[in-house]
Amino acid sequence: IIELNGNQNFSTIGHIDVNAPVQDTFLALSPNDSETNFVGLNGGANNNNSRTNATKGQSNTSNVQPIETQHLKLTNTSNHCFVNSVINLLGKTGYVPFLKTHISHFLSGLPLESFKLSRALLKLFENKTTNNMSSQEVRSLVAQHSKKSKFDDGTQQDASEFLYYLEGLLNEELAEIPTFSDVRDSHRGIEQIRKKFLDNPPSGTCKKCNRSPSSRDQPFFYLKLRVPKSHLSVNLSSLIDNHFSENVNTIKMKCSFCCPHAAQRRVCTQTGFCNRNAVEQIVLIKAPLYLLILLNRSESNTGPKVMTPVKIEEDLTLSGNTHYEPIAVVDHQGYTINGGHYVTHSKADSGNWILSSDTEIKASSLLQANSEDNLSLIHI
């Protein structure tokens, strides 16, 4: 989890520094300043006063509550660690504070059959004792509603995939509550896939009609970054820079506005002027309040994990002067995603880092989360 700080100014993106440290981690972001919420990252945008300066819509984040740190002791009787790590990660996002402040009293007058996942999560996070608790109910509910029986068959599973379905189910349950939309939107960003022709630099527009190729908006819950195979470590910031850099691989493309076949309603032969070299680039046009990062360390669920160490910096600049701070990391200890063990490193309100490994809670540090094991991260 990364925390969002400061003003928003934007500059160009660099390239991967192969000499920098690398790891496998899942990160998330959480709010640091009630006046700093959504940030628009499009071109040279600069807005220090508005909550939202994105090209796409605006959102009021008044219902997004400050982080409440709680480290749960969760039992692991049958490969529950992938569930336990995700639940402790979820505690650092805006979902749990919303459940505790807006939903707890709301559920008291409703049938027990409603809002099952919300109730199961509240049961864990509102527990006032230090006794060990079970995450089995959450595990079973996600497996049932996602129709992914593998989540509840006693085997080890991909924690990031489980988080994806858990968050989706929670969104479905809470969608009818008007104030929840602010919380949901605070965990959503928007990327834009842009293309440009290489035969008309530097604009990349069509040299015949001077129009830009069509672009495509792509909302995201977590930012997916591929970890390269290397004996050296790499910085998280380098992976982000590479993600938003112009793709080095060329594609073949036509201009939809100039295609003579389209005007004649004929199938395009995609030859000649309709088969020109182009490149793609991903541009961030709306930054989420909570930035969730997924480090892709595997070609497949059953394949070996890419063991390149990734270094998570204490201050991450997503673009230009938009700053984030890490607040939670899920590590996967092992050589394949469907084996090994999952743990969560998270930052307490005191500023100290805590390691949650099922029922074991002990002191940690961001340095310990910098390894070949980090998979998921939250920044704010």
Protein backbone atom coordinates (compact mmCIF):
# COMPACT_ATOMS: atom_id res chain seq x y z
CA ILE A 1 0.00 0.00 0.00
CA ILE A 2 1.36 3.38 -0.86
CA GLU A 3 0.37 6.69 0.63
CA LEU A 4 -0.25 9.70 -1.58
CA ASN A 5 1.49 12.91 -0.55
CA GLY A 6 2.18 16.39 -1.82
CA ASN A 7 1.41 18.27 -4.99
CA GLN A 8 0.89 16.87 -8.45
CA ASN A 9 3.27 17.82 -11.22
CA PHE A 10 4.06 15.51 -14.07
CA SER A 11 7.10 14.73 -16.15
CA THR A 12 8.22 12.09 -18.60
CA ILE A 13 8.97 8.50 -17.60
CA GLY A 14 12.41 6.94 -17.63
CA HIS A 15 13.67 3.42 -18.23
CA ILE A 16 14.58 0.39 -16.14
CA ASP A 17 17.79 0.59 -14.17
CA VAL A 18 18.99 -3.02 -14.27
CA ASN A 19 21.46 -2.34 -11.47
CA ALA A 20 18.73 -1.40 -9.00
CA PRO A 21 17.28 -3.91 -6.51
CA VAL A 22 14.14 -5.98 -7.48
CA GLN A 23 11.54 -8.09 -5.58
CA ASP A 24 8.19 -9.78 -5.84
CA THR A 25 5.55 -7.90 -3.85
CA PHE A 26 1.95 -6.85 -3.76
CA LEU A 27 1.54 -3.21 -2.70
CA ALA A 28 -1.40 -1.05 -1.75
CA LEU A 29 -1.86 2.68 -1.11
CA SER A 30 -3.82 4.41 1.60
CA PRO A 31 -4.84 8.04 2.28
CA ASN A 32 -2.40 10.38 4.00
CA ASP A 33 -4.05 13.76 3.60
CA SER A 34 -7.80 14.30 3.48
CA GLU A 35 -7.25 17.09 0.97
CA THR A 36 -5.22 14.87 -1.38
CA ASN A 37 -7.37 12.26 -3.02
CA PHE A 38 -7.54 11.59 -6.74
CA VAL A 39 -4.81 12.88 -9.01
CA GLY A 40 -5.11 13.34 -12.76
CA LEU A 41 -1.98 12.25 -14.58
CA ASN A 42 -2.49 13.35 -18.15
CA GLY A 43 0.12 15.28 -20.08
CA GLY A 44 1.37 18.26 -18.10
CA ALA A 45 -1.66 18.56 -15.82
CA ASN A 46 -1.06 20.42 -12.58
CA ASN A 47 -3.72 21.09 -9.97
CA ASN A 48 -2.80 21.59 -6.34
CA ASN A 49 -6.23 22.59 -5.08
CA SER A 50 -8.73 20.19 -6.59
CA ARG A 51 -9.37 16.73 -5.14
CA THR A 52 -9.67 15.34 -8.63
CA ASN A 53 -7.79 16.47 -11.70
CA ALA A 54 -8.38 13.47 -13.93
CA THR A 55 -9.44 13.49 -17.54
CA LYS A 56 -12.23 11.07 -16.61
CA GLY A 57 -14.94 11.77 -14.01
CA GLN A 58 -14.66 13.11 -10.52
CA SER A 59 -15.29 11.47 -7.17
CA ASN A 60 -15.98 12.71 -3.67
CA THR A 61 -13.85 10.79 -1.19
CA SER A 62 -15.39 12.22 1.98
CA ASN A 63 -16.49 8.71 2.98
CA VAL A 64 -12.95 7.32 2.72
CA GLN A 65 -11.75 6.99 6.29
CA PRO A 66 -8.18 7.16 7.64
CA ILE A 67 -6.31 3.91 8.04
CA GLU A 68 -6.94 1.93 11.20
CA THR A 69 -4.11 -0.46 11.81
CA GLN A 70 -5.02 -3.89 13.11
CA HIS A 71 -2.94 -7.02 12.75
CA LEU A 72 -5.07 -10.15 12.93
CA LYS A 73 -3.89 -13.48 14.27
CA LEU A 74 -5.43 -15.96 11.84
CA THR A 75 -5.11 -19.71 12.10
CA ASN A 76 -3.72 -21.83 9.28
CA THR A 77 -5.19 -25.32 9.45
CA SER A 78 -5.38 -26.14 5.74
CA ASN A 79 -3.30 -23.81 3.58
CA HIS A 80 -5.11 -20.69 4.83
CA CYS A 81 -2.05 -18.44 4.56
CA PHE A 82 -3.00 -17.04 1.14
CA VAL A 83 -6.37 -16.01 2.62
CA ASN A 84 -4.84 -14.68 5.85
CA SER A 85 -2.28 -12.52 4.04
CA VAL A 86 -4.98 -10.96 1.85
CA ILE A 87 -7.24 -10.18 4.83
CA ASN A 88 -4.40 -8.43 6.66
CA LEU A 89 -3.62 -6.52 3.47
CA LEU A 90 -7.28 -5.53 3.12
CA GLY A 91 -7.08 -4.04 6.61
CA LYS A 92 -4.75 -1.35 5.25
CA THR A 93 -7.15 -0.22 2.52
CA GLY A 94 -10.25 1.97 2.79
CA TYR A 95 -12.65 -0.98 2.84
CA VAL A 96 -12.33 -2.06 6.48
CA PRO A 97 -12.71 1.45 7.99
CA PHE A 98 -15.82 1.90 5.85
CA LEU A 99 -17.26 -1.40 7.07
CA LYS A 100 -16.60 -0.46 10.69
CA THR A 101 -17.91 3.12 10.53
CA HIS A 102 -20.72 2.92 7.96
CA ILE A 103 -21.88 -0.69 7.78
CA SER A 104 -21.68 -2.21 11.26
CA HIS A 105 -24.83 -0.50 12.60
CA PHE A 106 -26.55 -0.77 9.21
CA LEU A 107 -26.38 -4.59 9.27
CA SER A 108 -28.01 -4.95 12.69
CA GLY A 109 -31.53 -4.62 11.26
CA LEU A 110 -31.02 -6.88 8.25
CA PRO A 111 -31.43 -10.68 7.90
CA LEU A 112 -28.28 -12.69 8.61
CA GLU A 113 -28.43 -14.07 5.08
CA SER A 114 -27.61 -10.63 3.64
CA PHE A 115 -24.14 -9.06 3.35
CA LYS A 116 -22.46 -12.33 4.32
CA LEU A 117 -18.91 -11.35 3.32
CA SER A 118 -19.17 -7.95 5.01
CA ARG A 119 -20.36 -9.65 8.20
CA ALA A 120 -17.55 -12.22 8.06
CA LEU A 121 -14.90 -9.52 7.66
CA LEU A 122 -16.40 -7.38 10.43
CA LYS A 123 -16.40 -10.40 12.73
CA LEU A 124 -12.62 -10.57 12.30
CA PHE A 125 -11.77 -6.86 12.40
CA GLU A 126 -14.13 -5.99 15.29
CA ASN A 127 -12.80 -8.77 17.49
CA LYS A 128 -11.49 -7.10 20.66
CA THR A 129 -9.54 -10.09 21.92
CA THR A 130 -6.07 -11.30 20.99
CA ASN A 131 -7.33 -14.83 20.47
CA ASN A 132 -6.54 -16.64 17.25
CA MET A 133 -9.37 -16.48 14.70
CA SER A 134 -10.25 -18.44 11.58
CA SER A 135 -10.56 -16.99 8.07
CA GLN A 136 -12.46 -20.06 6.86
CA GLU A 137 -15.81 -18.28 6.47
CA VAL A 138 -14.28 -15.61 4.21
CA ARG A 139 -12.48 -18.30 2.24
CA SER A 140 -15.66 -20.33 1.67
CA LEU A 141 -17.77 -17.31 0.71
CA VAL A 142 -15.28 -16.13 -1.92
CA ALA A 143 -14.97 -19.65 -3.33
CA GLN A 144 -18.75 -20.06 -3.50
CA HIS A 145 -19.62 -16.74 -5.11
CA SER A 146 -16.66 -16.65 -7.51
CA LYS A 147 -17.41 -20.26 -8.52
CA LYS A 148 -13.72 -20.99 -7.95
CA SER A 149 -13.92 -24.14 -5.84
CA LYS A 150 -10.13 -24.36 -5.76
CA PHE A 151 -10.07 -21.54 -3.20
CA ASP A 152 -11.75 -23.84 -0.66
CA ASP A 153 -10.33 -27.28 -1.47
CA GLY A 154 -7.49 -27.13 1.07
CA THR A 155 -4.74 -26.39 -1.46
CA GLN A 156 -2.45 -23.39 -1.70
CA GLN A 157 -3.66 -20.74 -4.16
CA ASP A 158 -2.55 -17.43 -5.67
CA ALA A 159 -3.18 -14.70 -3.07
CA SER A 160 -3.49 -11.95 -5.68
CA GLU A 161 -6.20 -13.89 -7.53
CA PHE A 162 -8.06 -14.44 -4.26
CA LEU A 163 -7.87 -10.70 -3.48
CA TYR A 164 -9.29 -9.90 -6.92
CA TYR A 165 -12.40 -12.02 -6.33
CA LEU A 166 -12.79 -10.97 -2.68
CA GLU A 167 -12.75 -7.29 -3.62
CA GLY A 168 -15.18 -7.92 -6.47
CA LEU A 169 -17.63 -9.73 -4.19
CA LEU A 170 -17.36 -6.98 -1.57
CA ASN A 171 -18.16 -4.40 -4.25
CA GLU A 172 -21.26 -6.34 -5.28
CA GLU A 173 -22.51 -6.55 -1.69
CA LEU A 174 -21.99 -2.88 -0.90
CA ALA A 175 -23.00 -1.42 -4.28
CA GLU A 176 -26.52 -0.53 -3.09
CA ILE A 177 -25.13 1.70 -0.33
CA PRO A 178 -24.76 5.20 -1.89
CA THR A 179 -21.77 6.29 0.19
CA PHE A 180 -19.77 3.22 -0.82
CA SER A 181 -19.09 4.49 -4.35
CA ASP A 182 -16.49 6.92 -2.95
CA VAL A 183 -14.60 4.07 -1.29
CA ARG A 184 -14.73 1.89 -4.40
CA ASP A 185 -13.50 4.71 -6.63
CA SER A 186 -10.62 5.49 -4.27
CA HIS A 187 -9.14 2.08 -5.17
CA ARG A 188 -9.57 2.50 -8.93
CA GLY A 189 -7.21 4.09 -11.42
CA ILE A 190 -7.44 4.54 -15.19
CA GLU A 191 -4.74 3.87 -17.74
CA GLN A 192 -4.96 4.86 -21.39
CA ILE A 193 -3.46 2.78 -24.19
CA ARG A 194 -2.15 5.20 -26.82
CA LYS A 195 -0.68 4.40 -30.24
CA LYS A 196 1.39 6.39 -32.68
CA PHE A 197 2.71 5.85 -36.19
CA LEU A 198 6.48 5.67 -36.55
CA ASP A 199 6.54 7.16 -40.06
CA ASN A 200 5.49 10.61 -38.82
CA PRO A 201 7.68 11.57 -35.83
CA PRO A 202 7.49 13.12 -33.35
CA SER A 203 3.69 13.53 -33.25
CA GLY A 204 2.92 9.98 -34.34
CA THR A 205 -0.21 11.14 -36.14
CA CYS A 206 -1.26 9.82 -39.53
CA LYS A 207 0.84 11.67 -42.13
CA LYS A 208 -2.12 11.67 -44.52
CA CYS A 209 -4.96 13.02 -42.35
CA ASN A 210 -2.89 14.24 -39.36
CA ARG A 211 -5.20 12.52 -36.88
CA SER A 212 -4.02 10.54 -33.87
CA PRO A 213 -4.77 6.82 -33.75
CA SER A 214 -7.62 5.85 -31.48
CA SER A 215 -6.84 5.35 -27.78
CA ARG A 216 -8.46 3.08 -25.23
CA ASP A 217 -9.16 3.69 -21.54
CA GLN A 218 -8.48 0.79 -19.20
CA PRO A 219 -9.64 0.99 -15.55
CA PHE A 220 -7.58 -1.01 -13.05
CA PHE A 221 -7.88 -2.29 -9.49
CA TYR A 222 -4.20 -3.06 -9.26
CA LEU A 223 -1.27 -1.95 -11.40
CA LYS A 224 0.32 -5.05 -12.95
CA LEU A 225 4.09 -4.91 -13.33
CA ARG A 226 6.13 -7.69 -14.89
CA VAL A 227 9.34 -8.58 -13.05
CA PRO A 228 12.24 -9.35 -15.42
CA LYS A 229 14.53 -12.32 -14.87
CA SER A 230 17.85 -11.07 -13.53
CA HIS A 231 20.63 -11.98 -11.11
CA LEU A 232 20.61 -8.32 -10.07
CA SER A 233 17.96 -6.53 -8.06
CA VAL A 234 15.70 -3.82 -9.49
CA ASN A 235 13.85 -0.83 -8.01
CA LEU A 236 10.06 -0.77 -7.95
CA SER A 237 10.24 2.72 -9.46
CA SER A 238 12.16 1.31 -12.43
CA LEU A 239 9.44 -1.26 -13.06
CA ILE A 240 6.83 1.51 -13.00
CA ASP A 241 8.89 3.69 -15.35
CA ASN A 242 9.21 0.79 -17.74
CA HIS A 243 5.46 0.09 -17.58
CA PHE A 244 4.66 3.65 -18.69
CA SER A 245 7.48 3.91 -21.25
CA GLU A 246 6.93 3.61 -24.98
CA ASN A 247 6.89 -0.04 -26.01
CA VAL A 248 10.05 -1.10 -27.85
CA ASN A 249 8.13 -3.68 -29.90
CA THR A 250 6.47 -2.42 -33.06
CA ILE A 251 3.01 -3.37 -34.26
CA LYS A 252 1.36 -3.16 -37.68
CA MET A 253 -1.58 -0.76 -37.88
CA LYS A 254 -3.76 1.21 -40.26
CA CYS A 255 -5.41 4.62 -39.93
CA SER A 256 -9.11 3.97 -39.54
CA PHE A 257 -9.91 7.41 -40.92
CA CYS A 258 -7.90 6.95 -44.14
CA CYS A 259 -8.53 3.30 -44.90
CA PRO A 260 -10.01 3.22 -48.44
CA HIS A 261 -11.51 -0.22 -47.84
CA ALA A 262 -13.63 1.07 -44.93
CA ALA A 263 -15.05 3.84 -47.11
CA GLN A 264 -15.98 1.23 -49.71
CA ARG A 265 -17.29 -1.14 -47.07
CA ARG A 266 -14.81 -3.80 -48.11
CA VAL A 267 -12.61 -6.01 -45.97
CA CYS A 268 -9.27 -4.29 -45.46
CA THR A 269 -6.32 -6.16 -46.97
CA GLN A 270 -4.02 -4.60 -44.34
CA THR A 271 -1.27 -4.04 -46.87
CA GLY A 272 0.61 -0.96 -48.05
CA PHE A 273 -0.62 2.21 -46.33
CA CYS A 274 -2.92 0.04 -44.17
CA ASN A 275 0.04 -1.88 -42.76
CA ARG A 276 2.33 0.68 -41.15
CA ASN A 277 4.70 0.43 -38.20
CA ALA A 278 3.40 1.82 -34.92
CA VAL A 279 4.09 1.60 -31.19
CA GLU A 280 1.96 1.64 -28.04
CA GLN A 281 2.39 3.49 -24.77
CA ILE A 282 0.43 3.27 -21.53
CA VAL A 283 -0.39 6.62 -19.92
CA LEU A 284 -1.85 7.04 -16.44
CA ILE A 285 -4.79 9.44 -16.62
CA LYS A 286 -6.27 8.90 -13.14
CA ALA A 287 -4.25 7.84 -10.10
CA PRO A 288 -6.13 6.03 -7.32
CA LEU A 289 -5.99 7.16 -3.72
CA TYR A 290 -4.96 3.64 -2.74
CA LEU A 291 -2.43 2.30 -5.22
CA LEU A 292 -2.41 -1.49 -5.37
CA ILE A 293 0.55 -2.99 -7.24
CA LEU A 294 0.84 -6.59 -8.39
CA LEU A 295 4.30 -7.87 -9.28
CA ASN A 296 3.98 -10.56 -11.91
CA ARG A 297 6.65 -13.12 -11.06
CA SER A 298 5.32 -16.10 -12.93
CA GLU A 299 4.66 -17.15 -16.51
CA SER A 300 1.91 -19.44 -15.22
CA ASN A 301 0.40 -20.58 -11.91
CA THR A 302 2.35 -23.83 -12.05
CA GLY A 303 5.62 -22.48 -13.45
CA PRO A 304 8.68 -21.41 -11.47
CA LYS A 305 8.64 -17.98 -9.85
CA VAL A 306 10.91 -15.22 -11.15
CA MET A 307 13.25 -14.70 -8.19
CA THR A 308 14.56 -11.23 -9.08
CA PRO A 309 14.72 -9.11 -5.89
CA VAL A 310 12.59 -5.93 -6.03
CA LYS A 311 13.42 -2.95 -3.85
CA ILE A 312 10.45 -0.92 -2.57
CA GLU A 313 11.48 2.68 -2.04
CA GLU A 314 10.11 4.65 0.93
CA ASP A 315 9.01 7.40 -1.45
CA LEU A 316 7.59 6.32 -4.80
CA THR A 317 6.91 8.86 -7.54
CA LEU A 318 4.27 7.47 -9.84
CA SER A 319 4.61 10.27 -12.37
CA GLY A 320 6.35 13.58 -12.01
CA ASN A 321 5.67 14.84 -8.48
CA THR A 322 2.90 12.45 -7.40
CA HIS A 323 4.30 10.74 -4.31
CA TYR A 324 3.26 7.50 -2.66
CA GLU A 325 4.41 5.76 0.51
CA PRO A 326 4.30 1.96 1.00
CA ILE A 327 2.04 0.77 3.82
CA ALA A 328 1.61 -2.97 3.17
CA VAL A 329 3.34 -5.78 1.30
CA VAL A 330 2.38 -9.42 0.75
CA ASP A 331 5.37 -11.74 0.38
CA HIS A 332 5.26 -15.22 -1.11
CA GLN A 333 7.98 -17.49 0.23
CA GLY A 334 8.58 -20.33 -2.21
CA TYR A 335 9.42 -21.20 -5.80
CA THR A 336 5.91 -21.58 -7.29
CA ILE A 337 2.82 -19.43 -6.61
CA ASN A 338 0.67 -22.47 -5.77
CA GLY A 339 3.08 -23.64 -3.09
CA GLY A 340 5.14 -22.07 -0.32
CA HIS A 341 3.84 -19.62 2.28
CA TYR A 342 2.29 -16.12 2.27
CA VAL A 343 2.95 -13.39 4.87
CA THR A 344 2.05 -9.70 5.17
CA HIS A 345 4.32 -6.82 6.15
CA SER A 346 2.34 -3.71 7.14
CA LYS A 347 3.07 -0.30 8.58
CA ALA A 348 1.48 0.45 11.95
CA ASP A 349 0.16 3.86 13.00
CA SER A 350 3.36 4.30 15.01
CA GLY A 351 5.40 4.04 11.82
CA ASN A 352 6.85 0.66 12.77
CA TRP A 353 6.50 -2.30 10.40
CA ILE A 354 4.80 -5.51 11.55
CA LEU A 355 5.05 -9.01 10.06
CA SER A 356 1.82 -11.06 10.12
CA SER A 357 2.36 -14.75 9.45
CA ASP A 358 -0.91 -16.49 10.36
CA THR A 359 -0.99 -16.42 14.19
CA GLU A 360 2.54 -15.05 14.53
CA ILE A 361 2.87 -11.26 14.85
CA LYS A 362 6.34 -9.76 15.19
CA ALA A 363 8.43 -6.70 14.37
CA SER A 364 9.50 -6.23 10.76
CA SER A 365 10.81 -3.52 8.44
CA LEU A 366 10.41 -2.32 4.88
CA LEU A 367 13.92 -3.66 4.26
CA GLN A 368 12.70 -7.18 5.10
CA ALA A 369 9.94 -6.81 2.51
CA ASN A 370 12.58 -6.01 -0.12
CA SER A 371 13.28 -9.46 -1.51
CA GLU A 372 12.66 -11.98 -4.24
CA ASP A 373 9.36 -12.87 -2.51
CA ASN A 374 7.25 -9.70 -2.63
CA LEU A 375 4.12 -10.04 -4.76
CA SER A 376 1.50 -7.44 -3.80
CA LEU A 377 1.92 -3.93 -2.46
CA ILE A 378 -0.34 -1.11 -1.26
CA HIS A 379 0.73 2.53 -1.38
CA ILE A 380 -1.05 5.69 -0.34
